[in-house]
Amino acid sequence: MANSPSHRFGQIIGDLLEEIMTPQLQSFCDKRNLYLDKKGIRGKARGGKKVAWVDKYENIHDLDFVIEKNGTVDKRGRPLAFIEAAWRRYTKHSRNKAQEIQGAVLPIAEKYNWDKPFLGVILAGVFTSGSLTQMKTSGFEVALFPYDSIVSAFHSVGINANFDEKTPDSIFTHTINQIEKLTTKKRSKLKDHLVNSNQVLLDKFFAELQSTLDRQIEQVILIPLHGQQNEFGTIAEAITFVSKYQEDVLRDGVFRKYEIIVRYSNSDKEYGLIARLPRNNPS
């Protein structure tokens, strides 16, 4: 199946999405002095042509786009955004793809949770409302190019790309040959048509990306936590302690850690606990 014409067609759509998104993301990054890591040779920052990042479990995942702060061709920067592109023709495959994207991106995002990176996915084809909701509730900004817009874009350059599960491999192969023989001018026309027909979706996607990456810290709340450590052998004992604990009584106790809350201008919040900070010895 991996080498079937239908699979090859899916790869072509995936490559097309990346070709469309690359110049738009590059322009976005150039205006903000950010580095866009994309597929291809980069430099000393990584080997090979794949954009690969390690998650909090030390697993490696190949990604489509990563926007970095202070990144260069020879130095990897702080990740500010992870953006994936994907195509699915049939709804029965869409949930699996959504889970695949989540499984790759979320553990990496958790590793860099203090940067609160933007999570985005550009989809094309047919996805169920459940699979889209699954990604959105996991924190992804989702833009879906409807299947009809894909078919229409290919039709604009004289290619019929309206397929279903009954389409013979010979038809797929013929269509793939037509796509691969497109002139530079016609391929540009194909991409322009696809962008123009989905401009509203792209505008919303980039507006959310801008809101996240251009945000400013509005407030930092620091709460020193003190108190005596209490240990219990059962949940019932812990519940009993809490129910009897007098919260309004001031107490002295051993310093434990700091709770930090950071509030951003786009309404994002970040919470965390840190241990005692090192202090410089007075000279």
Protein backbone atom coordinates (compact mmCIF):
# COMPACT_ATOMS: atom_id res chain seq x y z
CA MET A 1 0.00 0.00 0.00
CA ALA A 2 2.86 2.37 0.79
CA ASN A 3 3.87 2.46 -2.88
CA SER A 4 0.35 2.53 -4.33
CA PRO A 5 -0.63 5.33 -6.73
CA SER A 6 -3.23 6.59 -4.25
CA HIS A 7 -0.53 6.85 -1.59
CA ARG A 8 1.71 8.70 -4.01
CA PHE A 9 -1.14 11.11 -4.76
CA GLY A 10 -1.43 11.79 -1.04
CA GLN A 11 2.28 12.60 -0.90
CA ILE A 12 1.82 15.04 -3.77
CA ILE A 13 -0.94 16.85 -1.87
CA GLY A 14 1.23 16.95 1.23
CA ASP A 15 4.12 18.44 -0.74
CA LEU A 16 1.72 20.97 -2.27
CA LEU A 17 0.56 22.10 1.17
CA GLU A 18 4.16 22.57 2.29
CA GLU A 19 4.96 24.56 -0.88
CA ILE A 20 2.00 26.82 -0.17
CA MET A 21 2.77 27.34 3.50
CA THR A 22 6.55 27.77 3.28
CA PRO A 23 6.67 31.26 1.68
CA GLN A 24 3.85 32.54 3.89
CA LEU A 25 5.47 31.26 7.07
CA GLN A 26 8.88 32.53 5.90
CA SER A 27 7.49 36.01 5.35
CA PHE A 28 5.84 35.93 8.77
CA CYS A 29 9.15 34.94 10.42
CA ASP A 30 11.28 37.42 8.47
CA LYS A 31 9.15 40.30 9.76
CA ARG A 32 9.82 39.20 13.36
CA ASN A 33 13.44 38.10 13.06
CA LEU A 34 12.47 34.50 13.79
CA TYR A 35 13.93 31.35 12.22
CA LEU A 36 11.74 28.97 10.22
CA ASP A 37 12.99 25.40 10.22
CA LYS A 38 11.59 23.38 7.35
CA LYS A 39 12.47 20.24 5.43
CA GLY A 40 15.82 20.45 3.67
CA ILE A 41 19.48 20.95 4.47
CA ARG A 42 19.94 23.42 7.34
CA GLY A 43 23.49 23.48 8.66
CA LYS A 44 25.20 22.55 11.90
CA ALA A 45 21.94 22.83 13.86
CA ARG A 46 20.84 19.42 12.63
CA GLY A 47 21.85 16.73 10.18
CA GLY A 48 19.90 15.42 7.21
CA LYS A 49 16.87 17.00 5.58
CA LYS A 50 14.22 16.24 8.20
CA VAL A 51 12.99 18.60 10.90
CA ALA A 52 13.35 16.37 13.96
CA TRP A 53 12.74 17.25 17.62
CA VAL A 54 13.01 15.19 20.79
CA ASP A 55 10.02 15.03 23.15
CA LYS A 56 10.03 14.86 26.94
CA TYR A 57 10.27 11.07 26.78
CA GLU A 58 13.41 11.26 24.58
CA ASN A 59 11.50 10.08 21.49
CA ILE A 60 12.36 11.68 18.13
CA HIS A 61 9.58 13.02 15.89
CA ASP A 62 9.78 14.34 12.34
CA LEU A 63 7.86 17.60 11.90
CA ASP A 64 6.94 19.89 9.01
CA PHE A 65 7.63 23.39 10.39
CA VAL A 66 9.11 24.80 13.58
CA ILE A 67 9.42 28.51 14.30
CA GLU A 68 12.35 29.34 16.57
CA LYS A 69 13.51 32.38 18.50
CA ASN A 70 17.25 33.06 18.19
CA GLY A 71 17.66 30.15 15.80
CA THR A 72 20.16 30.17 12.92
CA VAL A 73 21.27 27.66 10.30
CA ASP A 74 23.93 26.50 12.76
CA LYS A 75 22.12 26.89 16.09
CA ARG A 76 18.75 25.62 17.18
CA GLY A 77 16.65 28.23 18.95
CA ARG A 78 13.75 28.17 21.38
CA PRO A 79 10.64 26.67 19.75
CA LEU A 80 7.75 29.13 19.51
CA ALA A 81 5.50 27.21 17.10
CA PHE A 82 5.05 23.67 15.78
CA ILE A 83 3.03 23.45 12.56
CA GLU A 84 2.04 20.28 10.70
CA ALA A 85 0.43 19.71 7.28
CA ALA A 86 -1.67 16.65 6.43
CA TRP A 87 -4.02 15.22 3.79
CA ARG A 88 -6.76 12.61 4.13
CA ARG A 89 -9.27 11.61 1.50
CA TYR A 90 -11.63 9.52 3.61
CA THR A 91 -13.17 10.18 7.03
CA LYS A 92 -12.35 6.66 8.23
CA HIS A 93 -8.66 7.63 8.24
CA SER A 94 -9.02 11.11 9.74
CA ARG A 95 -9.17 10.15 13.42
CA ASN A 96 -5.96 8.12 13.12
CA LYS A 97 -4.21 11.08 11.48
CA ALA A 98 -5.38 13.44 14.21
CA GLN A 99 -4.02 11.08 16.85
CA GLU A 100 -0.75 10.71 14.94
CA ILE A 101 -0.27 14.49 14.89
CA GLN A 102 -1.13 14.80 18.57
CA GLY A 103 1.19 11.94 19.47
CA ALA A 104 4.11 13.67 17.75
CA VAL A 105 3.56 17.30 18.74
CA LEU A 106 2.02 17.32 22.22
CA PRO A 107 4.92 15.57 24.06
CA ILE A 108 7.33 18.06 22.46
CA ALA A 109 5.12 21.00 23.40
CA GLU A 110 4.97 19.71 26.98
CA LYS A 111 8.77 19.63 27.09
CA TYR A 112 8.79 23.34 26.24
CA ASN A 113 5.66 24.24 28.18
CA TRP A 114 7.17 27.43 29.61
CA ASP A 115 7.43 28.85 26.09
CA LYS A 116 3.74 28.03 25.55
CA PRO A 117 4.38 27.26 21.84
CA PHE A 118 1.73 27.73 19.17
CA LEU A 119 0.37 24.43 17.83
CA GLY A 120 -1.04 24.51 14.30
CA VAL A 121 -2.12 22.10 11.61
CA ILE A 122 -3.00 22.75 7.97
CA LEU A 123 -5.29 19.98 6.75
CA ALA A 124 -6.63 19.16 3.32
CA GLY A 125 -9.30 16.73 2.21
CA VAL A 126 -11.96 15.15 4.40
CA PHE A 127 -11.84 15.05 8.20
CA THR A 128 -14.66 14.22 10.59
CA SER A 129 -15.93 16.89 12.96
CA GLY A 130 -14.83 14.60 15.80
CA SER A 131 -11.23 14.48 14.60
CA LEU A 132 -11.17 18.28 14.17
CA THR A 133 -12.64 18.81 17.64
CA GLN A 134 -10.08 16.40 19.06
CA MET A 135 -7.23 18.51 17.74
CA LYS A 136 -8.80 21.85 18.69
CA THR A 137 -9.48 20.77 22.28
CA SER A 138 -5.85 19.64 22.49
CA GLY A 139 -4.73 23.20 21.75
CA PHE A 140 -4.22 23.12 17.98
CA GLU A 141 -5.27 25.90 15.63
CA VAL A 142 -6.77 24.03 12.68
CA ALA A 143 -7.23 25.17 9.08
CA LEU A 144 -8.95 22.66 6.78
CA PHE A 145 -8.82 23.03 2.99
CA PRO A 146 -12.04 21.26 1.92
CA TYR A 147 -11.77 18.41 -0.56
CA ASP A 148 -13.82 20.35 -3.13
CA SER A 149 -11.24 23.16 -3.09
CA ILE A 150 -8.50 20.63 -3.89
CA VAL A 151 -10.50 19.24 -6.80
CA SER A 152 -11.29 22.74 -8.06
CA ALA A 153 -7.63 23.80 -7.91
CA PHE A 154 -6.54 20.85 -10.04
CA HIS A 155 -9.42 21.45 -12.42
CA SER A 156 -8.08 24.99 -12.99
CA VAL A 157 -5.00 23.44 -14.64
CA GLY A 158 -6.95 20.80 -16.56
CA ILE A 159 -6.54 17.85 -14.20
CA ASN A 160 -9.37 15.72 -12.82
CA ALA A 161 -8.54 14.86 -9.20
CA ASN A 162 -11.98 13.73 -8.10
CA PHE A 163 -11.32 10.21 -6.82
CA ASP A 164 -12.96 7.67 -4.52
CA GLU A 165 -12.18 4.19 -3.25
CA LYS A 166 -13.33 2.62 -6.49
CA THR A 167 -10.95 4.63 -8.69
CA PRO A 168 -8.57 2.23 -10.53
CA ASP A 169 -4.82 2.57 -9.97
CA SER A 170 -4.45 3.28 -13.68
CA ILE A 171 -6.45 6.51 -13.30
CA PHE A 172 -4.39 7.55 -10.29
CA THR A 173 -1.19 6.85 -12.22
CA HIS A 174 -2.38 8.88 -15.20
CA THR A 175 -3.28 11.82 -12.96
CA ILE A 176 0.05 11.66 -11.12
CA ASN A 177 1.87 11.77 -14.46
CA GLN A 178 -0.14 14.84 -15.43
CA ILE A 179 0.73 16.58 -12.15
CA GLU A 180 4.42 15.77 -12.42
CA LYS A 181 4.50 17.18 -15.96
CA LEU A 182 2.96 20.52 -14.99
CA THR A 183 4.98 23.52 -16.11
CA THR A 184 6.21 25.96 -13.50
CA LYS A 185 3.57 28.44 -14.63
CA LYS A 186 0.71 25.96 -14.29
CA ARG A 187 1.96 24.69 -10.93
CA SER A 188 1.97 28.29 -9.70
CA LYS A 189 -1.56 28.70 -11.00
CA LEU A 190 -2.59 25.55 -9.14
CA LYS A 191 -1.15 26.82 -5.86
CA ASP A 192 -2.59 30.31 -6.32
CA HIS A 193 -6.05 28.86 -6.91
CA LEU A 194 -5.80 26.72 -3.77
CA VAL A 195 -4.63 29.67 -1.65
CA ASN A 196 -7.25 32.08 -2.98
CA SER A 197 -10.11 29.64 -2.41
CA ASN A 198 -9.00 29.14 1.19
CA GLN A 199 -7.77 32.65 2.00
CA VAL A 200 -10.28 33.21 4.82
CA LEU A 201 -9.05 30.06 6.58
CA LEU A 202 -5.41 31.08 6.16
CA ASP A 203 -6.08 34.59 7.42
CA LYS A 204 -7.64 33.23 10.60
CA PHE A 205 -4.76 30.77 11.06
CA PHE A 206 -2.12 33.49 10.73
CA ALA A 207 -4.10 35.82 12.99
CA GLU A 208 -3.94 33.22 15.75
CA LEU A 209 -0.26 32.59 15.05
CA GLN A 210 0.41 36.34 15.30
CA SER A 211 -1.60 36.64 18.50
CA THR A 212 0.51 33.94 20.13
CA LEU A 213 3.95 34.94 18.88
CA ASP A 214 3.45 38.69 19.29
CA ARG A 215 2.02 38.41 22.79
CA GLN A 216 3.60 40.25 25.69
CA ILE A 217 3.83 39.35 29.37
CA GLU A 218 1.25 41.43 31.22
CA GLN A 219 1.74 40.13 34.73
CA VAL A 220 3.96 37.77 36.71
CA ILE A 221 2.55 36.50 40.00
CA LEU A 222 5.01 34.95 42.48
CA ILE A 223 3.70 33.12 45.56
CA PRO A 224 6.22 31.81 48.13
CA LEU A 225 4.86 28.58 49.63
CA HIS A 226 5.57 27.74 53.27
CA GLY A 227 4.21 25.06 55.50
CA GLN A 228 4.71 21.82 57.35
CA GLN A 229 4.72 18.67 55.26
CA ASN A 230 1.89 16.28 56.12
CA GLU A 231 1.94 12.67 54.97
CA PHE A 232 -0.95 10.21 54.92
CA GLY A 233 -1.29 6.53 54.23
CA THR A 234 -4.73 6.72 52.63
CA ILE A 235 -6.87 9.14 50.64
CA ALA A 236 -9.48 9.10 53.43
CA GLU A 237 -6.91 10.35 55.93
CA ALA A 238 -5.89 13.17 53.55
CA ILE A 239 -9.53 14.18 53.04
CA THR A 240 -10.09 14.24 56.79
CA PHE A 241 -7.05 16.50 57.22
CA VAL A 242 -8.25 18.95 54.55
CA SER A 243 -11.79 19.04 55.93
CA LYS A 244 -10.50 20.00 59.38
CA TYR A 245 -7.72 22.34 58.26
CA GLN A 246 -8.25 25.97 59.29
CA GLU A 247 -7.25 27.91 56.20
CA ASP A 248 -7.74 31.34 57.77
CA VAL A 249 -5.18 30.80 60.55
CA LEU A 250 -1.75 32.32 59.94
CA ARG A 251 1.06 29.84 60.40
CA ASP A 252 4.82 29.79 60.21
CA GLY A 253 6.45 27.01 58.32
CA VAL A 254 9.41 25.79 56.31
CA PHE A 255 9.81 27.37 52.89
CA ARG A 256 8.92 24.81 50.21
CA LYS A 257 8.94 26.41 46.77
CA TYR A 258 7.58 29.25 44.63
CA GLU A 259 4.38 29.09 42.62
CA ILE A 260 4.66 31.21 39.47
CA ILE A 261 1.76 32.41 37.32
CA VAL A 262 2.49 34.26 34.07
CA ARG A 263 -0.32 36.06 32.26
CA TYR A 264 0.06 37.11 28.62
CA SER A 265 -1.62 39.78 26.52
CA ASN A 266 -3.50 37.17 24.44
CA SER A 267 -5.08 35.65 27.60
CA ASP A 268 -2.65 32.73 27.76
CA LYS A 269 -1.60 31.66 31.24
CA GLU A 270 1.29 29.55 32.42
CA TYR A 271 1.65 27.94 35.83
CA GLY A 272 4.63 26.34 37.44
CA LEU A 273 6.42 25.47 40.65
CA ILE A 274 10.12 26.05 41.19
CA ALA A 275 12.41 25.19 44.08
CA ARG A 276 14.44 27.68 46.05
CA LEU A 277 16.38 30.04 43.79
CA PRO A 278 20.15 30.27 44.29
CA ARG A 279 21.31 33.44 46.01
CA ASN A 280 24.59 35.24 45.49
CA ASN A 281 26.73 35.41 48.59
CA PRO A 282 27.17 39.01 49.76
CA SER A 283 30.68 40.26 49.12
